[in-house]
Protein backbone atom coordinates (compact mmCIF):
# COMPACT_ATOMS: atom_id res chain seq x y z
CA MET A 1 133.85 105.23 74.14
CA ILE A 2 133.49 107.60 77.05
CA SER A 3 136.17 110.16 77.79
CA PHE A 4 137.90 110.43 81.15
CA ASP A 5 136.35 113.87 81.78
CA ALA A 6 132.84 112.57 81.05
CA LEU A 7 133.41 109.61 83.37
CA ARG A 8 134.72 111.90 86.11
CA LEU A 9 131.61 114.12 85.76
CA ARG A 10 129.30 111.10 86.00
CA ILE A 11 131.06 109.84 89.13
CA TRP A 12 131.02 113.31 90.69
CA GLY A 13 127.31 113.67 89.88
CA ALA A 14 126.49 110.27 91.40
CA LEU A 15 128.43 111.09 94.55
CA SER A 16 126.70 114.47 94.81
CA ILE A 17 123.27 112.87 94.50
CA ALA A 18 124.18 110.24 97.10
CA GLY A 19 125.33 112.97 99.49
CA VAL A 20 122.09 114.92 99.08
CA LEU A 21 120.02 111.78 99.64
CA LEU A 22 121.94 111.01 102.82
CA LEU A 23 121.25 114.53 104.07
CA LEU A 24 117.54 114.21 103.29
CA LEU A 25 117.10 110.71 104.70
CA PRO A 26 116.47 111.77 108.32
CA GLY A 27 113.69 114.09 107.12
CA CYS A 28 112.10 111.24 105.18
CA VAL A 29 112.12 108.94 108.18
CA ALA A 30 110.45 111.55 110.36
CA ALA A 31 107.80 112.39 107.75
CA GLY A 32 105.07 110.33 109.42
CA PRO A 33 103.74 106.83 109.78
CA THR A 34 104.75 104.36 107.11
CA ALA A 35 102.00 102.57 105.25
CA GLN A 36 102.18 98.80 105.48
CA ALA A 37 100.78 96.25 103.06
CA GLY A 38 97.70 94.72 104.62
CA ASP A 39 96.37 97.95 106.11
CA GLU A 40 92.68 98.30 105.33
CA LYS A 41 92.83 101.75 103.79
CA VAL A 42 95.85 104.00 103.74
CA ALA A 43 95.58 107.63 102.71
CA GLU A 44 97.86 110.61 103.10
CA GLU A 45 97.77 114.25 102.12
CA GLY A 46 100.60 116.46 100.99
CA ILE A 47 102.29 117.94 97.96
CA ALA A 48 102.68 116.19 94.60
CA SER A 49 105.18 117.07 91.90
CA TYR A 50 105.94 115.47 88.56
CA TYR A 51 109.04 114.22 86.76
CA ALA A 52 111.02 116.60 84.57
CA PRO A 53 111.15 115.60 80.88
CA ARG A 54 114.88 114.81 81.14
CA PHE A 55 114.05 111.62 83.12
CA HIS A 56 112.06 110.07 80.23
CA GLY A 57 113.68 106.74 79.36
CA GLN A 58 115.88 106.53 82.45
CA ARG A 59 115.75 103.56 84.81
CA THR A 60 113.54 103.79 87.87
CA ALA A 61 114.27 102.18 91.23
CA SER A 62 112.13 99.18 90.19
CA GLY A 63 114.37 98.63 87.17
CA GLU A 64 111.88 99.64 84.51
CA ARG A 65 112.35 102.70 82.34
CA TYR A 66 110.42 105.86 83.15
CA ASP A 67 107.76 106.54 80.51
CA GLN A 68 106.29 110.03 80.74
CA ASP A 69 103.17 108.81 78.92
CA ALA A 70 102.42 106.00 81.42
CA HIS A 71 100.44 106.44 84.62
CA THR A 72 103.22 105.76 87.12
CA ALA A 73 104.65 107.46 90.19
CA ALA A 74 107.39 107.49 92.80
CA HIS A 75 106.60 106.99 96.49
CA ARG A 76 109.08 106.66 99.34
CA THR A 77 107.57 103.61 101.07
CA HIS A 78 104.76 101.89 99.13
CA PRO A 79 105.79 98.60 97.49
CA PHE A 80 106.40 98.60 93.76
CA GLY A 81 103.24 97.71 91.86
CA THR A 82 100.95 99.39 94.39
CA ILE A 83 98.07 101.24 92.73
CA VAL A 84 97.16 104.56 94.34
CA ARG A 85 94.43 107.07 93.56
CA VAL A 86 95.73 110.64 93.56
CA THR A 87 93.21 113.45 93.99
CA ASN A 88 94.11 117.06 93.19
CA GLN A 89 92.61 118.88 96.17
CA GLU A 90 92.40 122.15 94.24
CA ASN A 91 90.13 120.89 91.44
CA GLY A 92 88.90 117.43 92.54
CA ARG A 93 90.38 115.58 89.54
CA THR A 94 91.67 112.05 90.20
CA VAL A 95 94.05 109.62 88.53
CA ASP A 96 95.15 106.08 89.39
CA VAL A 97 98.89 105.40 89.12
CA ARG A 98 101.22 102.47 89.71
CA ILE A 99 104.22 102.93 92.02
CA ASN A 100 107.43 101.99 90.16
CA ASP A 101 110.02 104.33 91.65
CA ARG A 102 111.28 105.80 94.92
CA GLY A 103 110.97 109.44 95.86
CA PRO A 104 110.32 112.28 95.96
CA PHE A 105 113.19 113.30 98.20
CA VAL A 106 112.05 116.88 98.72
CA ARG A 107 110.70 117.75 102.16
CA GLY A 108 106.91 118.02 102.19
CA ARG A 109 106.33 116.15 98.93
CA ILE A 110 104.65 112.76 99.14
CA ILE A 111 104.46 111.58 95.51
CA ASP A 112 106.19 112.28 92.21
CA LEU A 113 103.95 111.66 89.19
CA SER A 114 104.55 110.90 85.54
CA LYS A 115 103.76 113.71 83.12
CA ALA A 116 100.65 111.83 81.87
CA ALA A 117 99.28 111.65 85.41
CA ALA A 118 100.12 115.31 86.01
CA ARG A 119 98.23 116.24 82.82
CA ASP A 120 95.18 114.29 83.99
CA LEU A 121 95.26 116.17 87.30
CA ARG A 122 95.67 119.50 85.45
CA MET A 123 98.81 120.35 87.44
CA VAL A 124 101.44 120.70 84.70
CA ARG A 125 101.38 124.50 84.70
CA ASP A 126 101.61 124.78 88.50
CA GLY A 127 104.22 122.03 88.86
CA VAL A 128 103.19 121.14 92.40
CA VAL A 129 99.74 120.80 93.97
CA ARG A 130 98.17 119.62 97.21
CA VAL A 131 96.88 116.06 96.82
CA ARG A 132 95.33 113.14 98.65
CA VAL A 133 96.94 109.75 97.93
CA GLU A 134 94.87 106.64 98.70
CA VAL A 135 95.98 103.03 98.26
CA ILE A 136 93.66 101.14 95.91
CA ARG A 137 95.60 97.87 95.67
CA TRP A 138 98.89 96.84 97.28
CA GLY A 139 101.76 95.69 95.09
CA GLU A 140 104.02 92.75 95.70
CA GLY A 141 107.15 94.81 96.30
CA PRO A 142 110.70 93.58 95.82
């Protein structure tokens, strides 16, 4: 059973997150052209980050649970199930990931990777790196 104080904190936290997302939404819309399924080849460059360990096991926007050991990622616009190749522009390492979440909602960041993908790119220590994201196969989306 959840206490009233715990429930109040959860509601307050959800409202705070919603408020931040609403403030960031105009910046996301103005970030650049949106990739559309059916485009021949879509690539973008920007900053990648990766999920904090505290998100392991939590639900993603697609409804599945985040698994830090899977090769998945969050992207603001690509349909769920889309496979993208992420290249670390600092060391040339690449990894293919499946989009299963929305985000990141931090200005300048274009993809949020699972910890497994971040390890493959050798970016865990730095936390954020400059990357190129290229669509390999479009997903079905919702």
